[in-house]
Amino acid sequence: MPITTHDIRQRLLETDQEFRRLAEEHSRCECQLEQLVGQSYWNSEDLALEVSLKKMKLYLKDQMELIVARHRHNQSARQQQMHQNQAHY
């Protein structure tokens, strides 16, 4: 059965310190953004903070996706190697 991206993310949260750090920072930015959006009055600093938080969230998400893609690539390479080794026996 193929491993889903969700499964890979869950595994990385458990085993990869960098991925976990990025995910925690992403969640922190999301919480800050939710608090900001809940305010009834915004000043220019709030608008700048909103843009900054959104950009940071995108950056963190991109970094997490790079780690997922690298993990998926490495997993695929290992599976190919296993199939090649089995073919020789």
PDB file of N, CA and C in Angstrom:
ATOM      1  N   MET A   1       0.844  -1.182   0.000  1.00  0.00           N
ATOM      2  CA  MET A   1       0.000   0.000   0.000  1.00  0.00           C
ATOM      3  C   MET A   1       0.886   1.241   0.000  1.00  0.00           C
ATOM      4  N   PRO A   2       0.617   2.202  -0.891  1.00  0.00           N
ATOM      5  CA  PRO A   2       1.451   3.407  -0.955  1.00  0.00           C
ATOM      6  C   PRO A   2       1.308   4.254   0.311  1.00  0.00           C
ATOM      7  N   ILE A   3       2.383   4.899   0.661  1.00  0.00           N
ATOM      8  CA  ILE A   3       2.387   5.781   1.821  1.00  0.00           C
ATOM      9  C   ILE A   3       1.917   7.159   1.362  1.00  0.00           C
ATOM     10  N   THR A   4       0.972   7.721   2.085  1.00  0.00           N
ATOM     11  CA  THR A   4       0.417   9.025   1.717  1.00  0.00           C
ATOM     12  C   THR A   4       1.308  10.155   2.233  1.00  0.00           C
ATOM     13  N   THR A   5       1.084  11.329   1.680  1.00  0.00           N
ATOM     14  CA  THR A   5       1.812  12.512   2.134  1.00  0.00           C
ATOM     15  C   THR A   5       1.497  12.782   3.598  1.00  0.00           C
ATOM     16  N   HIS A   6       0.257  12.545   3.994  1.00  0.00           N
ATOM     17  CA  HIS A   6      -0.129  12.720   5.397  1.00  0.00           C
ATOM     18  C   HIS A   6       0.706  11.797   6.289  1.00  0.00           C
ATOM     19  N   ASP A   7       0.861  10.541   5.859  1.00  0.00           N
ATOM     20  CA  ASP A   7       1.669   9.582   6.626  1.00  0.00           C
ATOM     21  C   ASP A   7       3.111  10.056   6.747  1.00  0.00           C
ATOM     22  N   ILE A   8       3.643  10.575   5.655  1.00  0.00           N
ATOM     23  CA  ILE A   8       5.025  11.066   5.672  1.00  0.00           C
ATOM     24  C   ILE A   8       5.148  12.236   6.642  1.00  0.00           C
ATOM     25  N   ARG A   9       4.194  13.158   6.591  1.00  0.00           N
ATOM     26  CA  ARG A   9       4.240  14.307   7.510  1.00  0.00           C
ATOM     27  C   ARG A   9       4.174  13.857   8.960  1.00  0.00           C
ATOM     28  N   GLN A  10       3.291  12.903   9.253  1.00  0.00           N
ATOM     29  CA  GLN A  10       3.173  12.401  10.620  1.00  0.00           C
ATOM     30  C   GLN A  10       4.487  11.762  11.077  1.00  0.00           C
ATOM     31  N   ARG A  11       5.096  10.987  10.194  1.00  0.00           N
ATOM     32  CA  ARG A  11       6.366  10.325  10.527  1.00  0.00           C
ATOM     33  C   ARG A  11       7.449  11.365  10.761  1.00  0.00           C
ATOM     34  N   LEU A  12       7.489  12.382   9.915  1.00  0.00           N
ATOM     35  CA  LEU A  12       8.496  13.435  10.057  1.00  0.00           C
ATOM     36  C   LEU A  12       8.293  14.236  11.347  1.00  0.00           C
ATOM     37  N   LEU A  13       7.042  14.467  11.729  1.00  0.00           N
ATOM     38  CA  LEU A  13       6.787  15.161  12.989  1.00  0.00           C
ATOM     39  C   LEU A  13       7.357  14.370  14.170  1.00  0.00           C
ATOM     40  N   GLU A  14       7.323  13.054  14.053  1.00  0.00           N
ATOM     41  CA  GLU A  14       7.816  12.186  15.126  1.00  0.00           C
ATOM     42  C   GLU A  14       9.334  12.033  15.109  1.00  0.00           C
ATOM     43  N   THR A  15       9.929  12.105  13.927  1.00  0.00           N
ATOM     44  CA  THR A  15      11.337  11.717  13.812  1.00  0.00           C
ATOM     45  C   THR A  15      12.296  12.817  13.374  1.00  0.00           C
ATOM     46  N   ASP A  16      11.793  13.879  12.754  1.00  0.00           N
ATOM     47  CA  ASP A  16      12.676  14.892  12.181  1.00  0.00           C
ATOM     48  C   ASP A  16      12.554  16.203  12.971  1.00  0.00           C
ATOM     49  N   GLN A  17      13.605  16.546  13.688  1.00  0.00           N
ATOM     50  CA  GLN A  17      13.594  17.731  14.544  1.00  0.00           C
ATOM     51  C   GLN A  17      13.364  19.021  13.747  1.00  0.00           C
ATOM     52  N   GLU A  18      13.980  19.150  12.597  1.00  0.00           N
ATOM     53  CA  GLU A  18      13.829  20.353  11.780  1.00  0.00           C
ATOM     54  C   GLU A  18      12.386  20.492  11.277  1.00  0.00           C
ATOM     55  N   PHE A  19      11.807  19.395  10.812  1.00  0.00           N
ATOM     56  CA  PHE A  19      10.431  19.421  10.337  1.00  0.00           C
ATOM     57  C   PHE A  19       9.492  19.808  11.474  1.00  0.00           C
ATOM     58  N   ARG A  20       9.711  19.236  12.637  1.00  0.00           N
ATOM     59  CA  ARG A  20       8.888  19.541  13.808  1.00  0.00           C
ATOM     60  C   ARG A  20       9.007  21.026  14.186  1.00  0.00           C
ATOM     61  N   ARG A  21      10.225  21.564  14.142  1.00  0.00           N
ATOM     62  CA  ARG A  21      10.443  22.971  14.465  1.00  0.00           C
ATOM     63  C   ARG A  21       9.694  23.874  13.477  1.00  0.00           C
ATOM     64  N   LEU A  22       9.774  23.536  12.197  1.00  0.00           N
ATOM     65  CA  LEU A  22       9.070  24.307  11.172  1.00  0.00           C
ATOM     66  C   LEU A  22       7.558  24.242  11.384  1.00  0.00           C
ATOM     67  N   ALA A  23       7.047  23.065  11.696  1.00  0.00           N
ATOM     68  CA  ALA A  23       5.609  22.900  11.920  1.00  0.00           C
ATOM     69  C   ALA A  23       5.148  23.699  13.137  1.00  0.00           C
ATOM     70  N   GLU A  24       5.940  23.690  14.190  1.00  0.00           N
ATOM     71  CA  GLU A  24       5.585  24.446  15.395  1.00  0.00           C
ATOM     72  C   GLU A  24       5.591  25.949  15.117  1.00  0.00           C
ATOM     73  N   GLU A  25       6.575  26.410  14.370  1.00  0.00           N
ATOM     74  CA  GLU A  25       6.655  27.825  14.021  1.00  0.00           C
ATOM     75  C   GLU A  25       5.474  28.217  13.122  1.00  0.00           C
ATOM     76  N   HIS A  26       5.107  27.339  12.193  1.00  0.00           N
ATOM     77  CA  HIS A  26       3.962  27.572  11.317  1.00  0.00           C
ATOM     78  C   HIS A  26       2.691  27.706  12.158  1.00  0.00           C
ATOM     79  N   SER A  27       2.513  26.829  13.128  1.00  0.00           N
ATOM     80  CA  SER A  27       1.344  26.886  14.012  1.00  0.00           C
ATOM     81  C   SER A  27       1.335  28.171  14.834  1.00  0.00           C
ATOM     82  N   ARG A  28       2.507  28.581  15.300  1.00  0.00           N
ATOM     83  CA  ARG A  28       2.608  29.812  16.083  1.00  0.00           C
ATOM     84  C   ARG A  28       2.176  31.015  15.228  1.00  0.00           C
ATOM     85  N   CYS A  29       2.638  31.056  13.984  1.00  0.00           N
ATOM     86  CA  CYS A  29       2.249  32.140  13.075  1.00  0.00           C
ATOM     87  C   CYS A  29       0.744  32.105  12.814  1.00  0.00           C
ATOM     88  N   GLU A  30       0.189  30.925  12.649  1.00  0.00           N
ATOM     89  CA  GLU A  30      -1.251  30.785  12.410  1.00  0.00           C
ATOM     90  C   GLU A  30      -2.041  31.313  13.608  1.00  0.00           C
ATOM     91  N   CYS A  31      -1.619  31.001  14.817  1.00  0.00           N
ATOM     92  CA  CYS A  31      -2.302  31.496  16.023  1.00  0.00           C
ATOM     93  C   CYS A  31      -2.228  33.018  16.107  1.00  0.00           C
ATOM     94  N   GLN A  32      -1.051  33.568  15.829  1.00  0.00           N
ATOM     95  CA  GLN A  32      -0.897  35.024  15.847  1.00  0.00           C
ATOM     96  C   GLN A  32      -1.811  35.680  14.817  1.00  0.00           C
ATOM     97  N   LEU A  33      -1.878  35.073  13.645  1.00  0.00           N
ATOM     98  CA  LEU A  33      -2.712  35.614  12.575  1.00  0.00           C
ATOM     99  C   LEU A  33      -4.193  35.562  12.966  1.00  0.00           C
ATOM    100  N   GLU A  34      -4.613  34.463  13.583  1.00  0.00           N
ATOM    101  CA  GLU A  34      -6.002  34.343  14.027  1.00  0.00           C
ATOM    102  C   GLU A  34      -6.330  35.409  15.073  1.00  0.00           C
ATOM    103  N   GLN A  35      -5.416  35.658  15.997  1.00  0.00           N
ATOM    104  CA  GLN A  35      -5.631  36.696  17.002  1.00  0.00           C
ATOM    105  C   GLN A  35      -5.746  38.064  16.340  1.00  0.00           C
ATOM    106  N   LEU A  36      -4.882  38.299  15.374  1.00  0.00           N
ATOM    107  CA  LEU A  36      -4.887  39.582  14.675  1.00  0.00           C
ATOM    108  C   LEU A  36      -6.195  39.792  13.930  1.00  0.00           C
ATOM    109  N   VAL A  37      -6.640  38.769  13.229  1.00  0.00           N
ATOM    110  CA  VAL A  37      -7.874  38.856  12.446  1.00  0.00           C
ATOM    111  C   VAL A  37      -9.070  39.102  13.369  1.00  0.00           C
ATOM    112  N   GLY A  38      -9.001  38.616  14.597  1.00  0.00           N
ATOM    113  CA  GLY A  38     -10.090  38.793  15.550  1.00  0.00           C
ATOM    114  C   GLY A  38     -10.213  40.195  16.114  1.00  0.00           C
ATOM    115  N   GLN A  39      -9.224  41.014  15.879  1.00  0.00           N
ATOM    116  CA  GLN A  39      -9.277  42.395  16.382  1.00  0.00           C
ATOM    117  C   GLN A  39     -10.279  43.214  15.567  1.00  0.00           C
ATOM    118  N   SER A  40     -10.984  44.100  16.250  1.00  0.00           N
ATOM    119  CA  SER A  40     -11.976  44.913  15.540  1.00  0.00           C
ATOM    120  C   SER A  40     -11.348  46.148  14.886  1.00  0.00           C
ATOM    121  N   TYR A  41     -10.228  46.589  15.427  1.00  0.00           N
ATOM    122  CA  TYR A  41      -9.566  47.770  14.856  1.00  0.00           C
ATOM    123  C   TYR A  41      -8.132  47.426  14.512  1.00  0.00           C
ATOM    124  N   TRP A  42      -7.722  47.804  13.310  1.00  0.00           N
ATOM    125  CA  TRP A  42      -6.352  47.555  12.868  1.00  0.00           C
ATOM    126  C   TRP A  42      -5.671  48.887  12.585  1.00  0.00           C
ATOM    127  N   ASN A  43      -4.408  48.965  12.985  1.00  0.00           N
ATOM    128  CA  ASN A  43      -3.613  50.130  12.591  1.00  0.00           C
ATOM    129  C   ASN A  43      -2.629  49.682  11.506  1.00  0.00           C
ATOM    130  N   SER A  44      -1.793  50.583  11.055  1.00  0.00           N
ATOM    131  CA  SER A  44      -0.868  50.246   9.961  1.00  0.00           C
ATOM    132  C   SER A  44       0.127  49.165  10.382  1.00  0.00           C
ATOM    133  N   GLU A  45       0.501  49.142  11.656  1.00  0.00           N
ATOM    134  CA  GLU A  45       1.416  48.093  12.137  1.00  0.00           C
ATOM    135  C   GLU A  45       0.754  46.719  12.061  1.00  0.00           C
ATOM    136  N   ASP A  46      -0.546  46.661  12.372  1.00  0.00           N
ATOM    137  CA  ASP A  46      -1.270  45.396  12.282  1.00  0.00           C
ATOM    138  C   ASP A  46      -1.323  44.891  10.845  1.00  0.00           C
ATOM    139  N   LEU A  47      -1.533  45.811   9.912  1.00  0.00           N
ATOM    140  CA  LEU A  47      -1.562  45.422   8.493  1.00  0.00           C
ATOM    141  C   LEU A  47      -0.205  44.877   8.055  1.00  0.00           C
ATOM    142  N   ALA A  48       0.860  45.537   8.488  1.00  0.00           N
ATOM    143  CA  ALA A  48       2.211  45.072   8.145  1.00  0.00           C
ATOM    144  C   ALA A  48       2.478  43.721   8.792  1.00  0.00           C
ATOM    145  N   LEU A  49       2.011  43.536  10.031  1.00  0.00           N
ATOM    146  CA  LEU A  49       2.200  42.256  10.722  1.00  0.00           C
ATOM    147  C   LEU A  49       1.447  41.140  10.009  1.00  0.00           C
ATOM    148  N   GLU A  50       0.244  41.448   9.530  1.00  0.00           N
ATOM    149  CA  GLU A  50      -0.532  40.443   8.799  1.00  0.00           C
ATOM    150  C   GLU A  50       0.248  39.961   7.567  1.00  0.00           C
ATOM    151  N   VAL A  51       0.766  40.890   6.803  1.00  0.00           N
ATOM    152  CA  VAL A  51       1.536  40.537   5.605  1.00  0.00           C
ATOM    153  C   VAL A  51       2.762  39.721   5.986  1.00  0.00           C
ATOM    154  N   SER A  52       3.445  40.147   7.019  1.00  0.00           N
ATOM    155  CA  SER A  52       4.649  39.455   7.476  1.00  0.00           C
ATOM    156  C   SER A  52       4.335  38.030   7.931  1.00  0.00           C
ATOM    157  N   LEU A  53       3.269  37.864   8.691  1.00  0.00           N
ATOM    158  CA  LEU A  53       2.884  36.530   9.160  1.00  0.00           C
ATOM    159  C   LEU A  53       2.498  35.617   8.006  1.00  0.00           C
ATOM    160  N   LYS A  54       1.773  36.156   7.048  1.00  0.00           N
ATOM    161  CA  LYS A  54       1.380  35.348   5.892  1.00  0.00           C
ATOM    162  C   LYS A  54       2.601  34.917   5.074  1.00  0.00           C
ATOM    163  N   LYS A  55       3.526  35.821   4.895  1.00  0.00           N
ATOM    164  CA  LYS A  55       4.752  35.477   4.162  1.00  0.00           C
ATOM    165  C   LYS A  55       5.554  34.425   4.915  1.00  0.00           C
ATOM    166  N   MET A  56       5.656  34.575   6.236  1.00  0.00           N
ATOM    167  CA  MET A  56       6.396  33.603   7.038  1.00  0.00           C
ATOM    168  C   MET A  56       5.729  32.234   6.978  1.00  0.00           C
ATOM    169  N   LYS A  57       4.411  32.208   7.054  1.00  0.00           N
ATOM    170  CA  LYS A  57       3.700  30.931   6.966  1.00  0.00           C
ATOM    171  C   LYS A  57       3.984  30.244   5.633  1.00  0.00           C
ATOM    172  N   LEU A  58       3.957  31.008   4.548  1.00  0.00           N
ATOM    173  CA  LEU A  58       4.244  30.431   3.229  1.00  0.00           C
ATOM    174  C   LEU A  58       5.671  29.899   3.153  1.00  0.00           C
ATOM    175  N   TYR A  59       6.609  30.670   3.686  1.00  0.00           N
ATOM    176  CA  TYR A  59       8.008  30.234   3.691  1.00  0.00           C
ATOM    177  C   TYR A  59       8.156  28.930   4.485  1.00  0.00           C
ATOM    178  N   LEU A  60       7.563  28.877   5.669  1.00  0.00           N
ATOM    179  CA  LEU A  60       7.661  27.675   6.505  1.00  0.00           C
ATOM    180  C   LEU A  60       7.018  26.483   5.821  1.00  0.00           C
ATOM    181  N   LYS A  61       5.871  26.700   5.210  1.00  0.00           N
ATOM    182  CA  LYS A  61       5.179  25.626   4.495  1.00  0.00           C
ATOM    183  C   LYS A  61       6.039  25.118   3.336  1.00  0.00           C
ATOM    184  N   ASP A  62       6.664  26.027   2.601  1.00  0.00           N
ATOM    185  CA  ASP A  62       7.561  25.629   1.507  1.00  0.00           C
ATOM    186  C   ASP A  62       8.723  24.791   2.021  1.00  0.00           C
ATOM    187  N   GLN A  63       9.308  25.194   3.143  1.00  0.00           N
ATOM    188  CA  GLN A  63      10.424  24.448   3.720  1.00  0.00           C
ATOM    189  C   GLN A  63       9.972  23.053   4.143  1.00  0.00           C
ATOM    190  N   MET A  64       8.787  22.960   4.732  1.00  0.00           N
ATOM    191  CA  MET A  64       8.248  21.662   5.137  1.00  0.00           C
ATOM    192  C   MET A  64       8.006  20.775   3.913  1.00  0.00           C
ATOM    193  N   GLU A  65       7.473  21.370   2.852  1.00  0.00           N
ATOM    194  CA  GLU A  65       7.207  20.595   1.634  1.00  0.00           C
ATOM    195  C   GLU A  65       8.495  20.102   0.985  1.00  0.00           C
ATOM    196  N   LEU A  66       9.553  20.892   1.081  1.00  0.00           N
ATOM    197  CA  LEU A  66      10.851  20.430   0.568  1.00  0.00           C
ATOM    198  C   LEU A  66      11.330  19.197   1.325  1.00  0.00           C
ATOM    199  N   ILE A  67      11.147  19.202   2.633  1.00  0.00           N
ATOM    200  CA  ILE A  67      11.552  18.049   3.445  1.00  0.00           C
ATOM    201  C   ILE A  67      10.700  16.835   3.093  1.00  0.00           C
ATOM    202  N   VAL A  68       9.393  17.027   2.904  1.00  0.00           N
ATOM    203  CA  VAL A  68       8.508  15.923   2.516  1.00  0.00           C
ATOM    204  C   VAL A  68       8.938  15.367   1.159  1.00  0.00           C
ATOM    205  N   ALA A  69       9.214  16.248   0.207  1.00  0.00           N
ATOM    206  CA  ALA A  69       9.631  15.808  -1.133  1.00  0.00           C
ATOM    207  C   ALA A  69      10.950  15.047  -1.073  1.00  0.00           C
ATOM    208  N   ARG A  70      11.900  15.534  -0.276  1.00  0.00           N
ATOM    209  CA  ARG A  70      13.177  14.845  -0.128  1.00  0.00           C
ATOM    210  C   ARG A  70      12.973  13.468   0.501  1.00  0.00           C
ATOM    211  N   HIS A  71      12.120  13.394   1.496  1.00  0.00           N
ATOM    212  CA  HIS A  71      11.833  12.115   2.142  1.00  0.00           C
ATOM    213  C   HIS A  71      11.191  11.139   1.147  1.00  0.00           C
ATOM    214  N   ARG A  72      10.218  11.653   0.381  1.00  0.00           N
ATOM    215  CA  ARG A  72       9.545  10.813  -0.617  1.00  0.00           C
ATOM    216  C   ARG A  72      10.545  10.320  -1.671  1.00  0.00           C
ATOM    217  N   HIS A  73      11.445  11.207  -2.109  1.00  0.00           N
ATOM    218  CA  HIS A  73      12.461  10.830  -3.096  1.00  0.00           C
ATOM    219  C   HIS A  73      13.385   9.752  -2.535  1.00  0.00           C
ATOM    220  N   ASN A  74      13.846   9.953  -1.304  1.00  0.00           N
ATOM    221  CA  ASN A  74      14.735   8.964  -0.677  1.00  0.00           C
ATOM    222  C   ASN A  74      14.039   7.628  -0.496  1.00  0.00           C
ATOM    223  N   GLN A  75      12.777   7.671  -0.130  1.00  0.00           N
ATOM    224  CA  GLN A  75      12.005   6.443   0.056  1.00  0.00           C
ATOM    225  C   GLN A  75      11.853   5.705  -1.276  1.00  0.00           C
ATOM    226  N   SER A  76      11.589   6.457  -2.331  1.00  0.00           N
ATOM    227  CA  SER A  76      11.445   5.862  -3.655  1.00  0.00           C
ATOM    228  C   SER A  76      12.764   5.235  -4.113  1.00  0.00           C
ATOM    229  N   ALA A  77      13.860   5.922  -3.859  1.00  0.00           N
ATOM    230  CA  ALA A  77      15.176   5.391  -4.236  1.00  0.00           C
ATOM    231  C   ALA A  77      15.471   4.099  -3.479  1.00  0.00           C
ATOM    232  N   ARG A  78      15.127   4.052  -2.193  1.00  0.00           N
ATOM    233  CA  ARG A  78      15.342   2.833  -1.398  1.00  0.00           C
ATOM    234  C   ARG A  78      14.507   1.673  -1.940  1.00  0.00           C
ATOM    235  N   GLN A  79      13.252   1.967  -2.325  1.00  0.00           N
ATOM    236  CA  GLN A  79      12.396   0.914  -2.862  1.00  0.00           C
ATOM    237  C   GLN A  79      12.945   0.391  -4.188  1.00  0.00           C
ATOM    238  N   GLN A  80      13.437   1.279  -5.032  1.00  0.00           N
ATOM    239  CA  GLN A  80      14.017   0.856  -6.302  1.00  0.00           C
ATOM    240  C   GLN A  80      15.244  -0.018  -6.057  1.00  0.00           C
ATOM    241  N   GLN A  81      16.076   0.378  -5.098  1.00  0.00           N
ATOM    242  CA  GLN A  81      17.263  -0.393  -4.769  1.00  0.00           C
ATOM    243  C   GLN A  81      16.880  -1.779  -4.268  1.00  0.00           C
ATOM    244  N   MET A  82      15.838  -1.858  -3.446  1.00  0.00           N
ATOM    245  CA  MET A  82      15.384  -3.156  -2.937  1.00  0.00           C
ATOM    246  C   MET A  82      14.908  -4.047  -4.076  1.00  0.00           C
ATOM    247  N   HIS A  83      14.157  -3.462  -5.027  1.00  0.00           N
ATOM    248  CA  HIS A  83      13.670  -4.244  -6.164  1.00  0.00           C
ATOM    249  C   HIS A  83      14.824  -4.729  -7.035  1.00  0.00           C
ATOM    250  N   GLN A  84      15.828  -3.885  -7.222  1.00  0.00           N
ATOM    251  CA  GLN A  84      16.992  -4.289  -8.006  1.00  0.00           C
ATOM    252  C   GLN A  84      17.746  -5.417  -7.302  1.00  0.00           C
ATOM    253  N   ASN A  85      17.891  -5.316  -5.997  1.00  0.00           N
ATOM    254  CA  ASN A  85      18.574  -6.360  -5.234  1.00  0.00           C
ATOM    255  C   ASN A  85      17.807  -7.662  -5.285  1.00  0.00           C
ATOM    256  N   GLN A  86      16.485  -7.607  -5.218  1.00  0.00           N
ATOM    257  CA  GLN A  86      15.667  -8.822  -5.274  1.00  0.00           C
ATOM    258  C   GLN A  86      15.745  -9.463  -6.646  1.00  0.00           C
ATOM    259  N   ALA A  87      15.874  -8.654  -7.681  1.00  0.00           N
ATOM    260  CA  ALA A  87      15.950  -9.178  -9.042  1.00  0.00           C
ATOM    261  C   ALA A  87      17.232  -9.959  -9.277  1.00  0.00           C
ATOM    262  N   HIS A  88      18.279  -9.637  -8.531  1.00  0.00           N
ATOM    263  CA  HIS A  88      19.555 -10.336  -8.702  1.00  0.00           C
ATOM    264  C   HIS A  88      19.564 -11.695  -8.042  1.00  0.00           C
ATOM    265  N   TYR A  89      18.596 -11.971  -7.164  1.00  0.00           N
ATOM    266  CA  TYR A  89      18.578 -13.271  -6.456  1.00  0.00           C
ATOM    267  C   TYR A  89      17.670 -14.244  -7.096  1.00  0.00           C
TER     268      TYR A  89
END
